[in-house]
Amino acid sequence: MADIPEYIIRPNAARILIPSIVMTVFLAFLFYAGILINVTLLGISIPGSINILIAAVLGLSVIVQSLLTYLQASKMQYSIYRNRIQIEGAKQQYFMFNVIQELNFKKNFLDRMLGTGTIVIDPKTRLKAISNFDQTFVYLKQLLQYSRMQYNQ
C-alpha cells in the first residue's frame, strides 16, 4: 500500500512566472539594443518592417518562455508525509525528516508582495514559492520535531 501524503503544496505560479517574464523581457531588450548598436556602428538603417519583425519574434520568445515556465511550475509539487518531504517535478527527490539538519526560510521583496516564501531544506534544496508560508513552515517544523522524537526512541 502506498503512502498517502498528509499535505500537498503546489508552488504559487505567479511567484515563479513574474521573475521569469521580467528576466526574459530584459534579455530581449538587451538583444534588441545589441542589434541596434551593431546596425548603428555599421551605418545601416533598419526598415520599419524589419523592426516590427524583430519585435514580434522577441515578443513571441517571451510568450513561449513564459508558457514553458508555467508548464514546468504546474508539474511541480511538494508532498509532505509523516517521515519525509517529496519534491515532484522534472526529477523526483525526497528528504527524510530524520536526516534534515534544520529548516530555514527566506523571503525577498517579491515574496512579501505576493505573500509567499521559500523553505530551505539544505543549501541546494528549497521549497520555492509557497503560499500560506507561515503556517506551512510551522507545520514542517513540528513534523521535523515529531520525527526526531520518534527516531530517538
N, C-alpha and C. Protein backbone atom coordinates (compact mmCIF):
# COMPACT_ATOMS: atom_id res chain seq x y z
N MET A 1 0.84 -1.19 0.00
CA MET A 1 0.00 0.00 0.00
C MET A 1 0.88 1.25 0.00
N ALA A 2 0.60 2.17 -0.87
CA ALA A 2 1.39 3.39 -1.00
C ALA A 2 1.01 4.38 0.10
N ASP A 3 2.00 5.14 0.51
CA ASP A 3 1.75 6.20 1.49
C ASP A 3 0.86 7.28 0.87
N ILE A 4 0.03 7.83 1.71
CA ILE A 4 -0.81 8.96 1.29
C ILE A 4 -0.22 10.20 1.93
N PRO A 5 0.06 11.23 1.13
CA PRO A 5 0.65 12.44 1.71
C PRO A 5 -0.31 13.12 2.67
N GLU A 6 0.26 13.69 3.72
CA GLU A 6 -0.54 14.43 4.69
C GLU A 6 -0.91 15.81 4.15
N TYR A 7 -0.03 16.33 3.30
CA TYR A 7 -0.20 17.70 2.83
C TYR A 7 0.49 17.81 1.47
N ILE A 8 -0.16 18.41 0.52
CA ILE A 8 0.44 18.63 -0.80
C ILE A 8 0.48 20.13 -1.06
N ILE A 9 1.64 20.61 -1.40
CA ILE A 9 1.85 22.04 -1.65
C ILE A 9 2.23 22.22 -3.11
N ARG A 10 1.57 23.13 -3.76
CA ARG A 10 1.94 23.50 -5.13
C ARG A 10 2.52 24.91 -5.08
N PRO A 11 3.59 25.15 -5.81
CA PRO A 11 4.16 26.50 -5.82
C PRO A 11 3.19 27.51 -6.42
N ASN A 12 3.28 28.73 -5.95
CA ASN A 12 2.48 29.83 -6.48
C ASN A 12 2.99 30.17 -7.88
N ALA A 13 2.15 29.96 -8.89
CA ALA A 13 2.56 30.15 -10.28
C ALA A 13 2.99 31.59 -10.56
N ALA A 14 2.28 32.56 -9.99
CA ALA A 14 2.63 33.97 -10.22
C ALA A 14 4.03 34.27 -9.69
N ARG A 15 4.37 33.69 -8.55
CA ARG A 15 5.69 33.93 -7.94
C ARG A 15 6.81 33.37 -8.82
N ILE A 16 6.53 32.31 -9.55
CA ILE A 16 7.54 31.74 -10.43
C ILE A 16 7.55 32.46 -11.78
N LEU A 17 6.37 32.83 -12.27
CA LEU A 17 6.27 33.45 -13.59
C LEU A 17 6.81 34.88 -13.65
N ILE A 18 6.53 35.68 -12.64
CA ILE A 18 6.91 37.09 -12.69
C ILE A 18 8.42 37.28 -12.87
N PRO A 19 9.28 36.64 -12.07
CA PRO A 19 10.73 36.82 -12.31
C PRO A 19 11.17 36.30 -13.67
N SER A 20 10.56 35.20 -14.11
CA SER A 20 10.92 34.64 -15.41
C SER A 20 10.55 35.60 -16.55
N ILE A 21 9.36 36.17 -16.48
CA ILE A 21 8.93 37.11 -17.52
C ILE A 21 9.79 38.37 -17.51
N VAL A 22 10.06 38.90 -16.32
CA VAL A 22 10.89 40.10 -16.22
C VAL A 22 12.28 39.84 -16.79
N MET A 23 12.87 38.70 -16.45
CA MET A 23 14.21 38.37 -16.95
C MET A 23 14.20 38.19 -18.47
N THR A 24 13.20 37.51 -19.00
CA THR A 24 13.12 37.29 -20.44
C THR A 24 12.92 38.60 -21.19
N VAL A 25 12.07 39.47 -20.68
CA VAL A 25 11.86 40.78 -21.32
C VAL A 25 13.15 41.60 -21.27
N PHE A 26 13.84 41.56 -20.14
CA PHE A 26 15.11 42.28 -20.02
C PHE A 26 16.14 41.77 -21.02
N LEU A 27 16.26 40.44 -21.14
CA LEU A 27 17.21 39.86 -22.09
C LEU A 27 16.82 40.17 -23.53
N ALA A 28 15.52 40.16 -23.83
CA ALA A 28 15.06 40.52 -25.17
C ALA A 28 15.41 41.97 -25.49
N PHE A 29 15.23 42.84 -24.49
CA PHE A 29 15.58 44.25 -24.67
C PHE A 29 17.08 44.40 -24.93
N LEU A 30 17.91 43.68 -24.16
CA LEU A 30 19.36 43.74 -24.37
C LEU A 30 19.74 43.24 -25.76
N PHE A 31 19.09 42.17 -26.19
CA PHE A 31 19.35 41.62 -27.52
C PHE A 31 19.01 42.65 -28.59
N TYR A 32 17.86 43.28 -28.46
CA TYR A 32 17.44 44.29 -29.43
C TYR A 32 18.38 45.49 -29.39
N ALA A 33 18.80 45.89 -28.20
CA ALA A 33 19.75 47.00 -28.08
C ALA A 33 21.07 46.64 -28.75
N GLY A 34 21.51 45.39 -28.61
CA GLY A 34 22.73 44.94 -29.29
C GLY A 34 22.60 45.01 -30.79
N ILE A 35 21.43 44.62 -31.30
CA ILE A 35 21.19 44.72 -32.75
C ILE A 35 21.27 46.18 -33.19
N LEU A 36 20.61 47.06 -32.44
CA LEU A 36 20.62 48.49 -32.81
C LEU A 36 22.03 49.09 -32.76
N ILE A 37 22.80 48.71 -31.76
CA ILE A 37 24.17 49.23 -31.65
C ILE A 37 25.01 48.76 -32.84
N ASN A 38 24.90 47.47 -33.19
CA ASN A 38 25.66 46.95 -34.33
C ASN A 38 25.26 47.63 -35.63
N VAL A 39 23.96 47.79 -35.84
CA VAL A 39 23.48 48.44 -37.06
C VAL A 39 23.94 49.89 -37.12
N THR A 40 23.88 50.58 -35.99
CA THR A 40 24.31 51.98 -35.94
C THR A 40 25.80 52.10 -36.22
N LEU A 41 26.61 51.21 -35.63
CA LEU A 41 28.05 51.26 -35.86
C LEU A 41 28.40 50.93 -37.32
N LEU A 42 27.58 50.11 -37.96
CA LEU A 42 27.82 49.80 -39.37
C LEU A 42 27.28 50.88 -40.30
N GLY A 43 26.52 51.81 -39.76
CA GLY A 43 25.97 52.90 -40.55
C GLY A 43 24.82 52.48 -41.45
N ILE A 44 24.10 51.46 -41.04
CA ILE A 44 22.97 50.96 -41.82
C ILE A 44 21.69 51.34 -41.07
N SER A 45 20.62 51.55 -41.81
CA SER A 45 19.33 51.79 -41.15
C SER A 45 18.44 50.56 -41.37
N ILE A 46 17.67 50.25 -40.35
CA ILE A 46 16.76 49.10 -40.41
C ILE A 46 15.39 49.60 -40.86
N PRO A 47 14.81 48.97 -41.89
CA PRO A 47 13.45 49.36 -42.30
C PRO A 47 12.45 49.09 -41.18
N GLY A 48 11.35 49.83 -41.19
CA GLY A 48 10.32 49.68 -40.15
C GLY A 48 9.74 48.29 -40.09
N SER A 49 9.58 47.63 -41.23
CA SER A 49 9.01 46.28 -41.24
C SER A 49 9.94 45.28 -40.56
N ILE A 50 11.24 45.47 -40.70
CA ILE A 50 12.20 44.58 -40.03
C ILE A 50 12.17 44.83 -38.53
N ASN A 51 12.04 46.08 -38.11
CA ASN A 51 11.91 46.39 -36.68
C ASN A 51 10.69 45.71 -36.09
N ILE A 52 9.58 45.76 -36.82
CA ILE A 52 8.36 45.10 -36.35
C ILE A 52 8.56 43.59 -36.28
N LEU A 53 9.23 43.03 -37.28
CA LEU A 53 9.50 41.59 -37.28
C LEU A 53 10.39 41.19 -36.10
N ILE A 54 11.43 41.97 -35.84
CA ILE A 54 12.31 41.68 -34.70
C ILE A 54 11.52 41.76 -33.39
N ALA A 55 10.72 42.80 -33.23
CA ALA A 55 9.91 42.94 -32.01
C ALA A 55 8.92 41.79 -31.87
N ALA A 56 8.33 41.35 -32.99
CA ALA A 56 7.37 40.23 -32.94
C ALA A 56 8.06 38.93 -32.54
N VAL A 57 9.24 38.68 -33.09
CA VAL A 57 9.98 37.46 -32.74
C VAL A 57 10.39 37.50 -31.27
N LEU A 58 10.86 38.63 -30.79
CA LEU A 58 11.23 38.75 -29.38
C LEU A 58 10.01 38.61 -28.48
N GLY A 59 8.89 39.21 -28.88
CA GLY A 59 7.64 39.06 -28.11
C GLY A 59 7.18 37.62 -28.08
N LEU A 60 7.29 36.94 -29.20
CA LEU A 60 6.92 35.52 -29.26
C LEU A 60 7.83 34.68 -28.37
N SER A 61 9.11 35.02 -28.34
CA SER A 61 10.03 34.26 -27.47
C SER A 61 9.69 34.48 -26.00
N VAL A 62 9.26 35.68 -25.63
CA VAL A 62 8.84 35.94 -24.25
C VAL A 62 7.61 35.10 -23.92
N ILE A 63 6.66 35.03 -24.84
CA ILE A 63 5.44 34.25 -24.61
C ILE A 63 5.76 32.76 -24.49
N VAL A 64 6.60 32.25 -25.39
CA VAL A 64 6.96 30.82 -25.35
C VAL A 64 7.70 30.50 -24.05
N GLN A 65 8.64 31.35 -23.66
CA GLN A 65 9.37 31.12 -22.41
C GLN A 65 8.43 31.15 -21.21
N SER A 66 7.47 32.05 -21.21
CA SER A 66 6.50 32.12 -20.12
C SER A 66 5.65 30.87 -20.06
N LEU A 67 5.21 30.37 -21.21
CA LEU A 67 4.41 29.14 -21.24
C LEU A 67 5.22 27.94 -20.75
N LEU A 68 6.47 27.85 -21.17
CA LEU A 68 7.32 26.74 -20.72
C LEU A 68 7.54 26.81 -19.20
N THR A 69 7.76 28.00 -18.69
CA THR A 69 7.94 28.17 -17.25
C THR A 69 6.67 27.80 -16.51
N TYR A 70 5.51 28.21 -17.03
CA TYR A 70 4.24 27.88 -16.40
C TYR A 70 4.01 26.37 -16.39
N LEU A 71 4.28 25.70 -17.51
CA LEU A 71 4.11 24.25 -17.57
C LEU A 71 5.03 23.54 -16.59
N GLN A 72 6.25 24.01 -16.49
CA GLN A 72 7.19 23.42 -15.55
C GLN A 72 6.72 23.64 -14.11
N ALA A 73 6.23 24.83 -13.81
CA ALA A 73 5.75 25.13 -12.46
C ALA A 73 4.48 24.35 -12.13
N SER A 74 3.63 24.11 -13.12
CA SER A 74 2.39 23.39 -12.85
C SER A 74 2.64 21.91 -12.57
N LYS A 75 3.75 21.38 -13.03
CA LYS A 75 4.09 19.98 -12.76
C LYS A 75 4.75 19.81 -11.39
N MET A 76 5.21 20.90 -10.81
CA MET A 76 5.93 20.84 -9.54
C MET A 76 4.96 20.74 -8.38
N GLN A 77 5.28 19.86 -7.44
CA GLN A 77 4.51 19.81 -6.19
C GLN A 77 5.40 19.25 -5.10
N TYR A 78 5.10 19.67 -3.89
CA TYR A 78 5.82 19.21 -2.71
C TYR A 78 4.84 18.39 -1.88
N SER A 79 5.13 17.10 -1.73
CA SER A 79 4.26 16.22 -0.94
C SER A 79 4.90 16.02 0.43
N ILE A 80 4.11 16.27 1.47
CA ILE A 80 4.60 16.15 2.84
C ILE A 80 4.01 14.89 3.45
N TYR A 81 4.87 13.99 3.87
CA TYR A 81 4.47 12.76 4.55
C TYR A 81 4.89 12.87 6.01
N ARG A 82 4.51 11.90 6.82
CA ARG A 82 4.89 11.94 8.24
C ARG A 82 6.41 11.88 8.43
N ASN A 83 7.10 11.18 7.52
CA ASN A 83 8.53 10.97 7.73
C ASN A 83 9.42 11.61 6.67
N ARG A 84 8.82 12.26 5.66
CA ARG A 84 9.66 12.80 4.59
C ARG A 84 8.94 13.92 3.82
N ILE A 85 9.75 14.64 3.07
CA ILE A 85 9.27 15.62 2.11
C ILE A 85 9.67 15.10 0.73
N GLN A 86 8.71 15.05 -0.17
CA GLN A 86 8.99 14.56 -1.51
C GLN A 86 8.74 15.69 -2.50
N ILE A 87 9.75 15.99 -3.31
CA ILE A 87 9.66 17.04 -4.32
C ILE A 87 9.44 16.36 -5.66
N GLU A 88 8.31 16.66 -6.27
CA GLU A 88 7.97 16.05 -7.55
C GLU A 88 7.96 17.12 -8.62
N GLY A 89 8.73 16.89 -9.65
CA GLY A 89 8.82 17.84 -10.76
C GLY A 89 9.60 17.19 -11.88
N ALA A 90 10.57 17.93 -12.43
CA ALA A 90 11.39 17.39 -13.51
C ALA A 90 12.12 16.13 -13.03
N LYS A 91 12.62 16.17 -11.83
CA LYS A 91 13.17 14.96 -11.21
C LYS A 91 12.59 14.85 -9.81
N GLN A 92 12.50 13.63 -9.35
CA GLN A 92 11.87 13.40 -8.05
C GLN A 92 12.95 13.27 -6.98
N GLN A 93 12.75 13.99 -5.88
CA GLN A 93 13.67 13.94 -4.75
C GLN A 93 12.87 13.73 -3.49
N TYR A 94 13.49 13.11 -2.50
CA TYR A 94 12.83 13.05 -1.20
C TYR A 94 13.88 13.24 -0.11
N PHE A 95 13.41 13.77 1.00
CA PHE A 95 14.27 14.07 2.13
C PHE A 95 13.59 13.54 3.38
N MET A 96 14.23 12.61 4.05
CA MET A 96 13.71 12.06 5.30
C MET A 96 13.88 13.12 6.39
N PHE A 97 12.87 13.24 7.25
CA PHE A 97 12.93 14.25 8.30
C PHE A 97 14.07 13.98 9.28
N ASN A 98 14.40 12.70 9.52
CA ASN A 98 15.46 12.41 10.49
C ASN A 98 16.85 12.74 9.94
N VAL A 99 16.97 13.05 8.65
CA VAL A 99 18.25 13.42 8.05
C VAL A 99 18.39 14.94 7.92
N ILE A 100 17.27 15.64 7.88
CA ILE A 100 17.29 17.09 7.72
C ILE A 100 17.85 17.72 9.00
N GLN A 101 18.90 18.51 8.84
CA GLN A 101 19.54 19.14 9.99
C GLN A 101 18.69 20.27 10.56
N GLU A 102 18.23 21.15 9.67
CA GLU A 102 17.48 22.31 10.12
C GLU A 102 16.67 22.88 8.96
N LEU A 103 15.52 23.40 9.27
CA LEU A 103 14.70 24.09 8.27
C LEU A 103 14.85 25.59 8.47
N ASN A 104 15.09 26.29 7.40
CA ASN A 104 15.17 27.75 7.44
C ASN A 104 14.20 28.31 6.41
N PHE A 105 14.05 29.61 6.41
CA PHE A 105 13.18 30.22 5.42
C PHE A 105 13.81 31.49 4.87
N LYS A 106 13.35 31.85 3.69
CA LYS A 106 13.79 33.09 3.05
C LYS A 106 12.57 33.79 2.48
N LYS A 107 12.59 35.09 2.59
CA LYS A 107 11.55 35.92 1.97
C LYS A 107 12.24 37.12 1.35
N ASN A 108 12.01 37.32 0.07
CA ASN A 108 12.56 38.51 -0.57
C ASN A 108 11.42 39.48 -0.87
N PHE A 109 11.75 40.53 -1.58
CA PHE A 109 10.77 41.58 -1.87
C PHE A 109 9.54 41.03 -2.59
N LEU A 110 9.76 40.21 -3.60
CA LEU A 110 8.65 39.64 -4.36
C LEU A 110 7.82 38.69 -3.50
N ASP A 111 8.48 37.94 -2.63
CA ASP A 111 7.75 37.05 -1.71
C ASP A 111 6.83 37.86 -0.80
N ARG A 112 7.32 38.97 -0.29
CA ARG A 112 6.49 39.81 0.59
C ARG A 112 5.30 40.39 -0.17
N MET A 113 5.52 40.76 -1.42
CA MET A 113 4.42 41.32 -2.23
C MET A 113 3.34 40.28 -2.51
N LEU A 114 3.74 39.05 -2.77
CA LEU A 114 2.79 38.01 -3.17
C LEU A 114 2.37 37.10 -2.02
N GLY A 115 2.91 37.33 -0.83
CA GLY A 115 2.54 36.52 0.33
C GLY A 115 3.05 35.10 0.24
N THR A 116 4.24 34.93 -0.32
CA THR A 116 4.84 33.60 -0.45
C THR A 116 6.15 33.57 0.31
N GLY A 117 6.81 32.44 0.27
CA GLY A 117 8.11 32.29 0.90
C GLY A 117 8.81 31.06 0.38
N THR A 118 10.06 30.91 0.78
CA THR A 118 10.87 29.77 0.39
C THR A 118 11.38 29.08 1.64
N ILE A 119 11.20 27.77 1.71
CA ILE A 119 11.71 26.99 2.83
C ILE A 119 12.98 26.31 2.37
N VAL A 120 14.06 26.52 3.13
CA VAL A 120 15.37 25.97 2.78
C VAL A 120 15.59 24.69 3.57
N ILE A 121 15.70 23.57 2.85
CA ILE A 121 15.96 22.28 3.49
C ILE A 121 17.46 22.11 3.70
N ASP A 122 18.23 22.32 2.65
CA ASP A 122 19.68 22.37 2.73
C ASP A 122 20.13 23.41 1.71
N PRO A 123 21.41 23.75 1.67
CA PRO A 123 21.82 24.84 0.77
C PRO A 123 21.44 24.64 -0.70
N LYS A 124 21.28 23.40 -1.14
CA LYS A 124 20.96 23.16 -2.55
C LYS A 124 19.48 22.92 -2.79
N THR A 125 18.71 22.67 -1.76
CA THR A 125 17.31 22.29 -1.93
C THR A 125 16.39 23.28 -1.24
N ARG A 126 15.42 23.76 -2.00
CA ARG A 126 14.48 24.75 -1.49
C ARG A 126 13.07 24.41 -1.96
N LEU A 127 12.12 24.68 -1.11
CA LEU A 127 10.71 24.61 -1.49
C LEU A 127 10.32 26.04 -1.80
N LYS A 128 10.24 26.35 -3.09
CA LYS A 128 10.08 27.74 -3.53
C LYS A 128 8.62 28.10 -3.73
N ALA A 129 8.34 29.38 -3.58
CA ALA A 129 7.05 29.99 -3.94
C ALA A 129 5.87 29.36 -3.23
N ILE A 130 5.99 29.18 -1.93
CA ILE A 130 4.93 28.54 -1.15
C ILE A 130 3.96 29.59 -0.63
N SER A 131 2.68 29.41 -0.95
CA SER A 131 1.63 30.25 -0.38
C SER A 131 1.35 29.76 1.05
N ASN A 132 0.68 30.55 1.85
CA ASN A 132 0.43 30.21 3.27
C ASN A 132 1.75 29.80 3.93
N PHE A 133 2.75 30.58 3.66
CA PHE A 133 4.11 30.25 4.04
C PHE A 133 4.28 30.06 5.55
N ASP A 134 3.74 30.98 6.33
CA ASP A 134 3.94 30.93 7.78
C ASP A 134 3.38 29.65 8.39
N GLN A 135 2.15 29.29 8.01
CA GLN A 135 1.55 28.07 8.56
C GLN A 135 2.29 26.83 8.08
N THR A 136 2.70 26.82 6.83
CA THR A 136 3.41 25.66 6.28
C THR A 136 4.75 25.48 6.97
N PHE A 137 5.47 26.57 7.21
CA PHE A 137 6.77 26.47 7.87
C PHE A 137 6.63 25.94 9.29
N VAL A 138 5.65 26.44 10.03
CA VAL A 138 5.42 25.95 11.40
C VAL A 138 5.04 24.47 11.37
N TYR A 139 4.19 24.07 10.44
CA TYR A 139 3.78 22.67 10.31
C TYR A 139 4.98 21.77 10.02
N LEU A 140 5.85 22.19 9.12
CA LEU A 140 7.03 21.38 8.80
C LEU A 140 7.99 21.30 9.98
N LYS A 141 8.13 22.39 10.72
CA LYS A 141 8.98 22.37 11.92
C LYS A 141 8.44 21.37 12.94
N GLN A 142 7.11 21.36 13.12
CA GLN A 142 6.50 20.41 14.05
C GLN A 142 6.71 18.97 13.59
N LEU A 143 6.55 18.71 12.30
CA LEU A 143 6.79 17.37 11.77
C LEU A 143 8.25 16.96 11.95
N LEU A 144 9.16 17.90 11.78
CA LEU A 144 10.58 17.63 11.97
C LEU A 144 10.85 17.26 13.43
N GLN A 145 10.28 18.00 14.38
CA GLN A 145 10.46 17.68 15.79
C GLN A 145 9.84 16.33 16.14
N TYR A 146 8.64 16.07 15.62
CA TYR A 146 7.97 14.79 15.86
C TYR A 146 8.80 13.63 15.33
N SER A 147 9.34 13.79 14.14
CA SER A 147 10.16 12.75 13.54
C SER A 147 11.42 12.49 14.34
N ARG A 148 12.03 13.54 14.84
CA ARG A 148 13.24 13.38 15.67
C ARG A 148 12.91 12.66 16.97
N MET A 149 11.75 12.97 17.57
CA MET A 149 11.36 12.28 18.80
C MET A 149 11.13 10.80 18.52
N GLN A 150 10.47 10.47 17.41
CA GLN A 150 10.22 9.08 17.05
C GLN A 150 11.52 8.35 16.74
N TYR A 151 12.45 9.02 16.09
CA TYR A 151 13.71 8.42 15.70
C TYR A 151 14.59 8.16 16.92
N ASN A 152 14.53 9.04 17.92
CA ASN A 152 15.38 8.91 19.11
C ASN A 152 14.86 7.89 20.10
N GLN A 153 13.62 7.43 19.94
CA GLN A 153 13.07 6.46 20.90
C GLN A 153 13.56 5.07 20.64
